[in-house]
């Protein structure tokens, strides 16, 4: 699955499930799924993904 499709699923209505370290995101209307194994993230990657405390992008979502 390409990144454009993954982001489309992540931005739309969705359901989240955790199975161990695997996060499954399912599109509510399409049923399409993205599985992300979070155990593969390095500490540096996690720092890059975490929003800054003063980041107000939440309001835009």
PDB file of N, CA and C in Angstrom:
ATOM      1  N   UNK A   1       0.858  -1.173   0.000  1.00  0.00           N
ATOM      2  CA  UNK A   1       0.000   0.000   0.000  1.00  0.00           C
ATOM      3  C   UNK A   1       0.903   1.234   0.000  1.00  0.00           C
ATOM      4  N   UNK A   2       0.550   2.217  -0.820  1.00  0.00           N
ATOM      5  CA  UNK A   2       1.386   3.415  -0.898  1.00  0.00           C
ATOM      6  C   UNK A   2       1.032   4.409   0.211  1.00  0.00           C
ATOM      7  N   UNK A   3       1.929   5.343   0.440  1.00  0.00           N
ATOM      8  CA  UNK A   3       1.787   6.312   1.541  1.00  0.00           C
ATOM      9  C   UNK A   3       0.535   7.163   1.381  1.00  0.00           C
ATOM     10  N   UNK A   4       0.161   7.494   0.153  1.00  0.00           N
ATOM     11  CA  UNK A   4      -1.033   8.301  -0.077  1.00  0.00           C
ATOM     12  C   UNK A   4      -2.278   7.576   0.445  1.00  0.00           C
ATOM     13  N   UNK A   5      -2.379   6.280   0.181  1.00  0.00           N
ATOM     14  CA  UNK A   5      -3.517   5.485   0.634  1.00  0.00           C
ATOM     15  C   UNK A   5      -3.499   5.354   2.160  1.00  0.00           C
ATOM     16  N   UNK A   6      -2.330   5.146   2.733  1.00  0.00           N
ATOM     17  CA  UNK A   6      -2.203   5.038   4.188  1.00  0.00           C
ATOM     18  C   UNK A   6      -2.686   6.327   4.853  1.00  0.00           C
ATOM     19  N   UNK A   7      -2.242   7.466   4.359  1.00  0.00           N
ATOM     20  CA  UNK A   7      -2.651   8.744   4.935  1.00  0.00           C
ATOM     21  C   UNK A   7      -4.138   8.997   4.760  1.00  0.00           C
ATOM     22  N   UNK A   8      -4.700   8.555   3.644  1.00  0.00           N
ATOM     23  CA  UNK A   8      -6.141   8.697   3.417  1.00  0.00           C
ATOM     24  C   UNK A   8      -6.924   7.930   4.489  1.00  0.00           C
ATOM     25  N   UNK A   9      -6.497   6.724   4.788  1.00  0.00           N
ATOM     26  CA  UNK A   9      -7.149   5.918   5.823  1.00  0.00           C
ATOM     27  C   UNK A   9      -6.964   6.562   7.193  1.00  0.00           C
ATOM     28  N   UNK A  10      -5.760   7.043   7.472  1.00  0.00           N
ATOM     29  CA  UNK A  10      -5.472   7.635   8.772  1.00  0.00           C
ATOM     30  C   UNK A  10      -6.256   8.932   8.997  1.00  0.00           C
ATOM     31  N   UNK A  11      -6.523   9.697   7.942  1.00  0.00           N
ATOM     32  CA  UNK A  11      -7.217  10.979   8.071  1.00  0.00           C
ATOM     33  C   UNK A  11      -8.740  10.826   8.141  1.00  0.00           C
ATOM     34  N   UNK A  12      -9.279   9.744   7.591  1.00  0.00           N
ATOM     35  CA  UNK A  12     -10.725   9.564   7.549  1.00  0.00           C
ATOM     36  C   UNK A  12     -11.276   9.015   8.862  1.00  0.00           C
ATOM     37  N   UNK A  13     -12.566   8.686   8.850  1.00  0.00           N
ATOM     38  CA  UNK A  13     -13.169   8.037  10.008  1.00  0.00           C
ATOM     39  C   UNK A  13     -12.521   6.666  10.159  1.00  0.00           C
ATOM     40  N   UNK A  14     -12.184   6.320  11.369  1.00  0.00           N
ATOM     41  CA  UNK A  14     -11.421   5.090  11.551  1.00  0.00           C
ATOM     42  C   UNK A  14     -11.653   4.452  12.911  1.00  0.00           C
ATOM     43  N   UNK A  15     -11.181   3.225  13.004  1.00  0.00           N
ATOM     44  CA  UNK A  15     -11.204   2.473  14.256  1.00  0.00           C
ATOM     45  C   UNK A  15      -9.767   2.021  14.510  1.00  0.00           C
ATOM     46  N   UNK A  16      -9.342   2.100  15.769  1.00  0.00           N
ATOM     47  CA  UNK A  16      -7.997   1.690  16.142  1.00  0.00           C
ATOM     48  C   UNK A  16      -8.062   0.432  16.996  1.00  0.00           C
ATOM     49  N   UNK A  17      -7.112  -0.471  16.779  1.00  0.00           N
ATOM     50  CA  UNK A  17      -6.987  -1.663  17.614  1.00  0.00           C
ATOM     51  C   UNK A  17      -5.504  -1.940  17.825  1.00  0.00           C
ATOM     52  N   UNK A  18      -5.155  -2.342  19.032  1.00  0.00           N
ATOM     53  CA  UNK A  18      -3.792  -2.769  19.319  1.00  0.00           C
ATOM     54  C   UNK A  18      -3.772  -4.268  19.551  1.00  0.00           C
ATOM     55  N   UNK A  19      -2.813  -4.924  18.948  1.00  0.00           N
ATOM     56  CA  UNK A  19      -2.543  -6.339  19.181  1.00  0.00           C
ATOM     57  C   UNK A  19      -1.047  -6.424  19.462  1.00  0.00           C
ATOM     58  N   UNK A  20      -0.694  -6.403  20.747  1.00  0.00           N
ATOM     59  CA  UNK A  20       0.718  -6.317  21.106  1.00  0.00           C
ATOM     60  C   UNK A  20       1.250  -4.970  20.665  1.00  0.00           C
ATOM     61  N   UNK A  21       2.307  -4.979  19.875  1.00  0.00           N
ATOM     62  CA  UNK A  21       2.891  -3.718  19.406  1.00  0.00           C
ATOM     63  C   UNK A  21       2.351  -3.293  18.039  1.00  0.00           C
ATOM     64  N   UNK A  22       1.407  -4.060  17.504  1.00  0.00           N
ATOM     65  CA  UNK A  22       0.863  -3.749  16.182  1.00  0.00           C
ATOM     66  C   UNK A  22      -0.421  -2.928  16.320  1.00  0.00           C
ATOM     67  N   UNK A  23      -0.411  -1.763  15.701  1.00  0.00           N
ATOM     68  CA  UNK A  23      -1.571  -0.885  15.658  1.00  0.00           C
ATOM     69  C   UNK A  23      -2.272  -1.117  14.321  1.00  0.00           C
ATOM     70  N   UNK A  24      -3.545  -1.487  14.381  1.00  0.00           N
ATOM     71  CA  UNK A  24      -4.341  -1.656  13.170  1.00  0.00           C
ATOM     72  C   UNK A  24      -5.330  -0.510  13.089  1.00  0.00           C
ATOM     73  N   UNK A  25      -5.303   0.201  11.968  1.00  0.00           N
ATOM     74  CA  UNK A  25      -6.221   1.308  11.719  1.00  0.00           C
ATOM     75  C   UNK A  25      -7.133   0.867  10.580  1.00  0.00           C
ATOM     76  N   UNK A  26      -8.444   0.869  10.836  1.00  0.00           N
ATOM     77  CA  UNK A  26      -9.416   0.426   9.845  1.00  0.00           C
ATOM     78  C   UNK A  26     -10.298   1.589   9.440  1.00  0.00           C
ATOM     79  N   UNK A  27     -10.407   1.825   8.146  1.00  0.00           N
ATOM     80  CA  UNK A  27     -11.307   2.860   7.637  1.00  0.00           C
ATOM     81  C   UNK A  27     -12.745   2.468   7.940  1.00  0.00           C
ATOM     82  N   UNK A  28     -13.484   3.348   8.568  1.00  0.00           N
ATOM     83  CA  UNK A  28     -14.843   3.048   9.009  1.00  0.00           C
ATOM     84  C   UNK A  28     -15.760   2.721   7.837  1.00  0.00           C
ATOM     85  N   UNK A  29     -15.697   3.488   6.765  1.00  0.00           N
ATOM     86  CA  UNK A  29     -16.605   3.291   5.637  1.00  0.00           C
ATOM     87  C   UNK A  29     -16.074   2.299   4.607  1.00  0.00           C
ATOM     88  N   UNK A  30     -14.769   2.267   4.422  1.00  0.00           N
ATOM     89  CA  UNK A  30     -14.198   1.407   3.377  1.00  0.00           C
ATOM     90  C   UNK A  30     -13.806   0.028   3.888  1.00  0.00           C
ATOM     91  N   UNK A  31     -13.501  -0.071   5.182  1.00  0.00           N
ATOM     92  CA  UNK A  31     -13.035  -1.347   5.730  1.00  0.00           C
ATOM     93  C   UNK A  31     -11.573  -1.623   5.419  1.00  0.00           C
ATOM     94  N   UNK A  32     -10.912  -0.705   4.714  1.00  0.00           N
ATOM     95  CA  UNK A  32      -9.497  -0.895   4.408  1.00  0.00           C
ATOM     96  C   UNK A  32      -8.676  -0.778   5.684  1.00  0.00           C
ATOM     97  N   UNK A  33      -7.613  -1.571   5.770  1.00  0.00           N
ATOM     98  CA  UNK A  33      -6.802  -1.606   6.986  1.00  0.00           C
ATOM     99  C   UNK A  33      -5.350  -1.277   6.718  1.00  0.00           C
ATOM    100  N   UNK A  34      -4.764  -0.627   7.709  1.00  0.00           N
ATOM    101  CA  UNK A  34      -3.329  -0.361   7.721  1.00  0.00           C
ATOM    102  C   UNK A  34      -2.813  -0.935   9.031  1.00  0.00           C
ATOM    103  N   UNK A  35      -1.780  -1.753   8.959  1.00  0.00           N
ATOM    104  CA  UNK A  35      -1.169  -2.303  10.174  1.00  0.00           C
ATOM    105  C   UNK A  35       0.228  -1.713  10.319  1.00  0.00           C
ATOM    106  N   UNK A  36       0.485  -1.174  11.504  1.00  0.00           N
ATOM    107  CA  UNK A  36       1.778  -0.551  11.795  1.00  0.00           C
ATOM    108  C   UNK A  36       2.404  -1.261  12.983  1.00  0.00           C
ATOM    109  N   UNK A  37       3.597  -1.841  12.789  1.00  0.00           N
ATOM    110  CA  UNK A  37       4.303  -2.507  13.879  1.00  0.00           C
ATOM    111  C   UNK A  37       5.168  -1.470  14.584  1.00  0.00           C
ATOM    112  N   UNK A  38       4.682  -0.976  15.700  1.00  0.00           N
ATOM    113  CA  UNK A  38       5.367   0.101  16.416  1.00  0.00           C
ATOM    114  C   UNK A  38       6.661  -0.354  17.082  1.00  0.00           C
ATOM    115  N   UNK A  39       6.872  -1.661  17.200  1.00  0.00           N
ATOM    116  CA  UNK A  39       8.120  -2.144  17.795  1.00  0.00           C
ATOM    117  C   UNK A  39       9.314  -1.888  16.876  1.00  0.00           C
ATOM    118  N   UNK A  40       9.047  -1.583  15.601  1.00  0.00           N
ATOM    119  CA  UNK A  40      10.121  -1.291  14.646  1.00  0.00           C
ATOM    120  C   UNK A  40      10.596   0.149  14.694  1.00  0.00           C
ATOM    121  N   UNK A  41       9.897   0.996  15.461  1.00  0.00           N
ATOM    122  CA  UNK A  41      10.309   2.396  15.575  1.00  0.00           C
ATOM    123  C   UNK A  41      11.560   2.524  16.431  1.00  0.00           C
ATOM    124  N   UNK A  42      12.487   3.325  15.969  1.00  0.00           N
ATOM    125  CA  UNK A  42      13.649   3.641  16.790  1.00  0.00           C
ATOM    126  C   UNK A  42      13.291   4.832  17.669  1.00  0.00           C
ATOM    127  N   UNK A  43      14.107   5.102  18.655  1.00  0.00           N
ATOM    128  CA  UNK A  43      13.856   6.242  19.529  1.00  0.00           C
ATOM    129  C   UNK A  43      13.846   7.549  18.733  1.00  0.00           C
ATOM    130  N   UNK A  44      14.730   7.654  17.752  1.00  0.00           N
ATOM    131  CA  UNK A  44      14.793   8.853  16.921  1.00  0.00           C
ATOM    132  C   UNK A  44      13.519   9.013  16.094  1.00  0.00           C
ATOM    133  N   UNK A  45      13.012   7.912  15.542  1.00  0.00           N
ATOM    134  CA  UNK A  45      11.783   7.967  14.752  1.00  0.00           C
ATOM    135  C   UNK A  45      10.605   8.390  15.627  1.00  0.00           C
ATOM    136  N   UNK A  46      10.538   7.858  16.821  1.00  0.00           N
ATOM    137  CA  UNK A  46       9.450   8.199  17.732  1.00  0.00           C
ATOM    138  C   UNK A  46       9.481   9.672  18.097  1.00  0.00           C
ATOM    139  N   UNK A  47      10.679  10.209  18.325  1.00  0.00           N
ATOM    140  CA  UNK A  47      10.813  11.635  18.630  1.00  0.00           C
ATOM    141  C   UNK A  47      10.328  12.488  17.467  1.00  0.00           C
ATOM    142  N   UNK A  48      10.610  12.060  16.230  1.00  0.00           N
ATOM    143  CA  UNK A  48      10.175  12.806  15.050  1.00  0.00           C
ATOM    144  C   UNK A  48       8.659  12.762  14.881  1.00  0.00           C
ATOM    145  N   UNK A  49       8.038  11.675  15.267  1.00  0.00           N
ATOM    146  CA  UNK A  49       6.588  11.520  15.109  1.00  0.00           C
ATOM    147  C   UNK A  49       5.783  12.213  16.203  1.00  0.00           C
ATOM    148  N   UNK A  50       6.371  12.381  17.376  1.00  0.00           N
ATOM    149  CA  UNK A  50       5.656  12.987  18.499  1.00  0.00           C
ATOM    150  C   UNK A  50       5.527  14.493  18.283  1.00  0.00           C
ATOM    151  N   UNK A  51       4.308  15.030  18.428  1.00  0.00           N
ATOM    152  CA  UNK A  51       4.132  16.481  18.258  1.00  0.00           C
ATOM    153  C   UNK A  51       4.785  17.244  19.405  1.00  0.00           C
ATOM    154  N   UNK A  52       5.222  18.463  19.118  1.00  0.00           N
ATOM    155  CA  UNK A  52       5.765  19.324  20.157  1.00  0.00           C
ATOM    156  C   UNK A  52       4.645  19.681  21.125  1.00  0.00           C
ATOM    157  N   UNK A  53       4.980  19.913  22.371  1.00  0.00           N
ATOM    158  CA  UNK A  53       3.966  20.255  23.368  1.00  0.00           C
ATOM    159  C   UNK A  53       3.232  21.538  23.015  1.00  0.00           C
ATOM    160  N   UNK A  54       3.921  22.477  22.377  1.00  0.00           N
ATOM    161  CA  UNK A  54       3.278  23.747  22.031  1.00  0.00           C
ATOM    162  C   UNK A  54       2.681  23.729  20.620  1.00  0.00           C
ATOM    163  N   UNK A  55       2.607  22.558  20.011  1.00  0.00           N
ATOM    164  CA  UNK A  55       2.052  22.415  18.669  1.00  0.00           C
ATOM    165  C   UNK A  55       0.529  22.387  18.747  1.00  0.00           C
ATOM    166  N   UNK A  56      -0.161  23.312  18.040  1.00  0.00           N
ATOM    167  CA  UNK A  56      -1.622  23.326  18.100  1.00  0.00           C
ATOM    168  C   UNK A  56      -2.257  22.756  16.842  1.00  0.00           C
ATOM    169  N   UNK A  57      -1.588  21.855  16.172  1.00  0.00           N
ATOM    170  CA  UNK A  57      -2.171  21.257  14.982  1.00  0.00           C
ATOM    171  C   UNK A  57      -3.412  20.440  15.302  1.00  0.00           C
ATOM    172  N   UNK A  58      -3.597  20.052  16.552  1.00  0.00           N
ATOM    173  CA  UNK A  58      -4.785  19.288  16.929  1.00  0.00           C
ATOM    174  C   UNK A  58      -6.054  20.016  16.527  1.00  0.00           C
ATOM    175  N   UNK A  59      -6.051  21.329  16.628  1.00  0.00           N
ATOM    176  CA  UNK A  59      -7.222  22.124  16.290  1.00  0.00           C
ATOM    177  C   UNK A  59      -7.547  22.039  14.806  1.00  0.00           C
ATOM    178  N   UNK A  60      -6.547  21.784  13.963  1.00  0.00           N
ATOM    179  CA  UNK A  60      -6.756  21.692  12.524  1.00  0.00           C
ATOM    180  C   UNK A  60      -7.356  20.356  12.137  1.00  0.00           C
ATOM    181  N   UNK A  61      -7.228  19.324  12.974  1.00  0.00           N
ATOM    182  CA  UNK A  61      -7.689  17.980  12.612  1.00  0.00           C
ATOM    183  C   UNK A  61      -9.129  17.914  12.876  1.00  0.00           C
TER     184      UNK A  61
END
